[in-house]
Amino acid sequence: MTRQQLLIMETDDSDLRSHASGWSAEDGCTVVPRVGASPGPRWHYSYDCPLFAIGDGWRLMAPPTAYIEKQFRGPKDDVVEVERWEWWFERIVEVAP
């Protein structure tokens, strides 16, 4: 039986070697039939860049997507718009039935 794992990584640039500034992950292996997602611990990955995730077996699902993030900076909380890039990866893993 197989399950899908997802890794969403945020970078400051669209380059495969750009530094990862954030991530989130979901694991299809934690879903319990008739209950939904298990509240168990999430796994942690600390890849420095998208290329390292690919080297660890993650498959890039699509090209990275640009978006604008609004940040509050300075003593007056000035709004600054920063371009970020979002990367979606998947990995299919075998699980015991």
N, C-alpha and C. Protein backbone atom coordinates (compact mmCIF):
# COMPACT_ATOMS: atom_id res chain seq x y z
N MET A 1 0.85 -1.16 0.00
CA MET A 1 0.00 0.00 0.00
C MET A 1 0.91 1.24 0.00
N THR A 2 0.50 2.25 -0.72
CA THR A 2 1.30 3.48 -0.78
C THR A 2 0.52 4.67 -0.25
N ARG A 3 1.25 5.68 0.19
CA ARG A 3 0.67 6.95 0.66
C ARG A 3 1.51 8.09 0.11
N GLN A 4 0.87 9.24 -0.02
CA GLN A 4 1.54 10.43 -0.53
C GLN A 4 1.95 11.34 0.62
N GLN A 5 3.17 11.87 0.53
CA GLN A 5 3.64 12.90 1.45
C GLN A 5 3.85 14.17 0.62
N LEU A 6 3.51 15.32 1.19
CA LEU A 6 3.66 16.61 0.52
C LEU A 6 4.61 17.50 1.31
N LEU A 7 5.44 18.23 0.58
CA LEU A 7 6.35 19.20 1.18
C LEU A 7 6.19 20.50 0.40
N ILE A 8 5.84 21.59 1.08
CA ILE A 8 5.70 22.90 0.45
C ILE A 8 6.81 23.78 1.03
N MET A 9 7.67 24.27 0.15
CA MET A 9 8.82 25.05 0.58
C MET A 9 8.72 26.47 0.06
N GLU A 10 9.15 27.43 0.87
CA GLU A 10 9.16 28.84 0.48
C GLU A 10 10.62 29.30 0.35
N THR A 11 10.91 30.00 -0.76
CA THR A 11 12.24 30.55 -0.99
C THR A 11 12.13 32.01 -1.41
N ASP A 12 13.27 32.69 -1.43
CA ASP A 12 13.30 34.10 -1.83
C ASP A 12 13.51 34.27 -3.33
N ASP A 13 13.81 33.17 -4.03
CA ASP A 13 14.11 33.24 -5.46
C ASP A 13 13.60 31.98 -6.13
N SER A 14 13.60 31.96 -7.47
CA SER A 14 13.08 30.81 -8.20
C SER A 14 14.17 29.80 -8.58
N ASP A 15 15.37 29.98 -8.06
CA ASP A 15 16.49 29.11 -8.37
C ASP A 15 16.46 27.86 -7.49
N LEU A 16 16.85 26.71 -8.04
CA LEU A 16 16.88 25.46 -7.26
C LEU A 16 17.82 25.52 -6.07
N ARG A 17 18.78 26.45 -6.11
CA ARG A 17 19.73 26.57 -5.01
C ARG A 17 19.40 27.74 -4.07
N SER A 18 18.25 28.35 -4.26
CA SER A 18 17.88 29.47 -3.39
C SER A 18 17.54 28.96 -1.99
N HIS A 19 17.88 29.76 -0.99
CA HIS A 19 17.72 29.38 0.41
C HIS A 19 16.25 29.22 0.80
N ALA A 20 15.94 28.14 1.49
CA ALA A 20 14.59 27.90 1.97
C ALA A 20 14.34 28.76 3.21
N SER A 21 13.29 29.56 3.17
CA SER A 21 12.97 30.42 4.30
C SER A 21 11.76 29.94 5.09
N GLY A 22 11.09 28.90 4.61
CA GLY A 22 9.95 28.34 5.32
C GLY A 22 9.46 27.08 4.64
N TRP A 23 8.69 26.27 5.35
CA TRP A 23 8.16 25.05 4.77
C TRP A 23 6.96 24.58 5.58
N SER A 24 6.18 23.71 4.95
CA SER A 24 5.13 22.98 5.66
C SER A 24 5.05 21.61 5.02
N ALA A 25 4.46 20.66 5.71
CA ALA A 25 4.42 19.30 5.21
C ALA A 25 3.15 18.60 5.67
N GLU A 26 2.71 17.66 4.86
CA GLU A 26 1.57 16.81 5.20
C GLU A 26 1.95 15.38 4.87
N ASP A 27 1.46 14.45 5.66
CA ASP A 27 1.81 13.05 5.49
C ASP A 27 0.53 12.22 5.40
N GLY A 28 0.30 11.62 4.23
CA GLY A 28 -0.87 10.77 4.04
C GLY A 28 -0.85 9.53 4.91
N CYS A 29 0.31 9.20 5.45
CA CYS A 29 0.43 8.02 6.33
C CYS A 29 -0.22 8.25 7.68
N THR A 30 -0.51 9.49 8.03
CA THR A 30 -1.10 9.77 9.35
C THR A 30 -2.62 9.76 9.33
N VAL A 31 -3.22 9.51 8.17
CA VAL A 31 -4.68 9.48 8.07
C VAL A 31 -5.19 8.13 8.57
N VAL A 32 -6.11 8.16 9.51
CA VAL A 32 -6.70 6.95 10.07
C VAL A 32 -8.10 6.80 9.49
N PRO A 33 -8.42 5.64 8.86
CA PRO A 33 -9.75 5.46 8.29
C PRO A 33 -10.86 5.74 9.32
N ARG A 34 -11.89 6.41 8.87
CA ARG A 34 -13.08 6.77 9.66
C ARG A 34 -12.80 7.78 10.77
N VAL A 35 -11.57 8.23 10.91
CA VAL A 35 -11.24 9.20 11.96
C VAL A 35 -10.75 10.50 11.34
N GLY A 36 -9.98 10.40 10.28
CA GLY A 36 -9.38 11.58 9.66
C GLY A 36 -7.90 11.63 10.00
N ALA A 37 -7.35 12.82 9.98
CA ALA A 37 -5.91 12.98 10.22
C ALA A 37 -5.59 12.72 11.69
N SER A 38 -4.54 11.97 11.89
CA SER A 38 -4.07 11.68 13.24
C SER A 38 -3.39 12.91 13.82
N PRO A 39 -3.57 13.17 15.11
CA PRO A 39 -2.91 14.32 15.73
C PRO A 39 -1.45 14.03 16.10
N GLY A 40 -0.89 12.96 15.58
CA GLY A 40 0.49 12.58 15.90
C GLY A 40 1.50 13.63 15.49
N PRO A 41 2.75 13.43 15.88
CA PRO A 41 3.79 14.41 15.57
C PRO A 41 4.05 14.51 14.07
N ARG A 42 4.36 15.71 13.62
CA ARG A 42 4.71 15.93 12.22
C ARG A 42 6.21 15.69 12.06
N TRP A 43 6.58 15.24 10.91
CA TRP A 43 8.01 15.04 10.64
C TRP A 43 8.63 16.37 10.29
N HIS A 44 9.90 16.46 10.48
CA HIS A 44 10.62 17.72 10.30
C HIS A 44 11.71 17.55 9.26
N TYR A 45 11.74 18.44 8.30
CA TYR A 45 12.80 18.45 7.30
C TYR A 45 13.44 19.82 7.33
N SER A 46 14.73 19.84 7.25
CA SER A 46 15.43 21.12 7.26
C SER A 46 16.33 21.22 6.03
N TYR A 47 15.72 21.18 4.87
CA TYR A 47 16.47 21.31 3.63
C TYR A 47 16.88 22.77 3.44
N ASP A 48 18.13 22.99 3.06
CA ASP A 48 18.62 24.34 2.83
C ASP A 48 18.08 24.95 1.55
N CYS A 49 17.73 24.11 0.57
CA CYS A 49 17.24 24.61 -0.71
C CYS A 49 16.43 23.52 -1.40
N PRO A 50 15.66 23.87 -2.44
CA PRO A 50 14.86 22.88 -3.15
C PRO A 50 15.70 21.73 -3.72
N LEU A 51 16.90 22.01 -4.17
CA LEU A 51 17.75 20.97 -4.76
C LEU A 51 18.06 19.86 -3.74
N PHE A 52 18.24 20.21 -2.47
CA PHE A 52 18.51 19.20 -1.45
C PHE A 52 17.29 18.30 -1.23
N ALA A 53 16.09 18.87 -1.32
CA ALA A 53 14.87 18.05 -1.19
C ALA A 53 14.78 17.06 -2.35
N ILE A 54 15.09 17.51 -3.56
CA ILE A 54 15.09 16.62 -4.72
C ILE A 54 16.12 15.51 -4.54
N GLY A 55 17.29 15.87 -4.02
CA GLY A 55 18.33 14.89 -3.77
C GLY A 55 17.94 13.86 -2.72
N ASP A 56 16.95 14.17 -1.88
CA ASP A 56 16.48 13.26 -0.84
C ASP A 56 15.26 12.46 -1.29
N GLY A 57 14.94 12.54 -2.58
CA GLY A 57 13.85 11.71 -3.10
C GLY A 57 12.52 12.41 -3.32
N TRP A 58 12.41 13.70 -3.03
CA TRP A 58 11.17 14.43 -3.28
C TRP A 58 11.08 14.78 -4.76
N ARG A 59 9.88 14.68 -5.33
CA ARG A 59 9.66 15.03 -6.73
C ARG A 59 8.95 16.37 -6.82
N LEU A 60 9.49 17.23 -7.67
CA LEU A 60 8.89 18.55 -7.89
C LEU A 60 7.59 18.36 -8.68
N MET A 61 6.48 18.87 -8.15
CA MET A 61 5.18 18.67 -8.78
C MET A 61 4.92 19.66 -9.90
N ALA A 62 5.49 20.87 -9.82
CA ALA A 62 5.27 21.92 -10.82
C ALA A 62 6.37 22.96 -10.64
N PRO A 63 6.54 23.85 -11.61
CA PRO A 63 7.52 24.93 -11.41
C PRO A 63 7.13 25.79 -10.21
N PRO A 64 8.08 26.46 -9.59
CA PRO A 64 7.74 27.31 -8.44
C PRO A 64 6.82 28.46 -8.85
N THR A 65 6.00 28.87 -7.91
CA THR A 65 5.02 29.93 -8.14
C THR A 65 5.39 31.16 -7.31
N ALA A 66 5.41 32.32 -7.96
CA ALA A 66 5.73 33.57 -7.25
C ALA A 66 4.48 34.13 -6.58
N TYR A 67 4.66 34.75 -5.43
CA TYR A 67 3.58 35.47 -4.76
C TYR A 67 4.20 36.61 -3.96
N ILE A 68 3.37 37.56 -3.57
CA ILE A 68 3.83 38.72 -2.81
C ILE A 68 3.40 38.56 -1.36
N GLU A 69 4.38 38.68 -0.47
CA GLU A 69 4.12 38.61 0.97
C GLU A 69 4.25 40.02 1.55
N LYS A 70 3.27 40.42 2.35
CA LYS A 70 3.33 41.73 3.00
C LYS A 70 3.93 41.56 4.39
N GLN A 71 4.97 42.33 4.66
CA GLN A 71 5.64 42.28 5.95
C GLN A 71 5.56 43.65 6.62
N PHE A 72 5.47 43.62 7.94
CA PHE A 72 5.45 44.86 8.72
C PHE A 72 6.85 45.07 9.29
N ARG A 73 7.44 46.23 8.97
CA ARG A 73 8.81 46.50 9.41
C ARG A 73 8.92 47.90 9.99
N GLY A 74 9.92 48.07 10.84
CA GLY A 74 10.21 49.38 11.38
C GLY A 74 9.34 49.74 12.57
N PRO A 75 9.68 50.85 13.21
CA PRO A 75 8.94 51.27 14.41
C PRO A 75 7.51 51.69 14.12
N LYS A 76 7.23 52.06 12.87
CA LYS A 76 5.86 52.47 12.51
C LYS A 76 5.10 51.36 11.80
N ASP A 77 5.66 50.15 11.82
CA ASP A 77 5.05 49.00 11.14
C ASP A 77 4.74 49.31 9.68
N ASP A 78 5.72 49.87 8.98
CA ASP A 78 5.56 50.12 7.55
C ASP A 78 5.37 48.80 6.82
N VAL A 79 4.49 48.78 5.84
CA VAL A 79 4.22 47.57 5.07
C VAL A 79 5.19 47.52 3.90
N VAL A 80 5.90 46.39 3.81
CA VAL A 80 6.84 46.16 2.73
C VAL A 80 6.39 44.91 1.98
N GLU A 81 6.36 44.99 0.66
CA GLU A 81 5.98 43.83 -0.14
C GLU A 81 7.25 43.11 -0.58
N VAL A 82 7.29 41.79 -0.31
CA VAL A 82 8.45 40.97 -0.61
C VAL A 82 8.01 39.83 -1.52
N GLU A 83 8.75 39.61 -2.61
CA GLU A 83 8.42 38.50 -3.50
C GLU A 83 8.96 37.19 -2.91
N ARG A 84 8.12 36.19 -2.86
CA ARG A 84 8.48 34.86 -2.38
C ARG A 84 8.12 33.84 -3.46
N TRP A 85 8.72 32.67 -3.35
CA TRP A 85 8.46 31.58 -4.29
C TRP A 85 8.03 30.35 -3.52
N GLU A 86 6.98 29.68 -4.00
CA GLU A 86 6.46 28.48 -3.35
C GLU A 86 6.72 27.27 -4.24
N TRP A 87 7.28 26.23 -3.62
CA TRP A 87 7.62 24.99 -4.30
C TRP A 87 6.80 23.86 -3.71
N TRP A 88 6.21 23.03 -4.56
CA TRP A 88 5.43 21.86 -4.11
C TRP A 88 6.16 20.60 -4.53
N PHE A 89 6.39 19.72 -3.54
CA PHE A 89 7.04 18.44 -3.79
C PHE A 89 6.15 17.32 -3.27
N GLU A 90 6.34 16.12 -3.85
CA GLU A 90 5.64 14.95 -3.34
C GLU A 90 6.60 13.78 -3.26
N ARG A 91 6.24 12.86 -2.38
CA ARG A 91 6.99 11.62 -2.27
C ARG A 91 5.96 10.53 -1.97
N ILE A 92 6.08 9.42 -2.69
CA ILE A 92 5.19 8.29 -2.47
C ILE A 92 5.97 7.27 -1.63
N VAL A 93 5.37 6.86 -0.52
CA VAL A 93 6.04 5.93 0.39
C VAL A 93 5.20 4.66 0.56
N GLU A 94 5.88 3.56 0.78
CA GLU A 94 5.22 2.29 1.05
C GLU A 94 4.88 2.21 2.54
N VAL A 95 3.67 1.75 2.84
CA VAL A 95 3.27 1.56 4.23
C VAL A 95 2.70 0.14 4.39
N ALA A 96 2.80 -0.39 5.58
CA ALA A 96 2.25 -1.72 5.85
C ALA A 96 0.73 -1.65 5.83
N PRO A 97 0.09 -2.66 5.29
CA PRO A 97 -1.40 -2.64 5.25
C PRO A 97 -2.03 -2.78 6.62
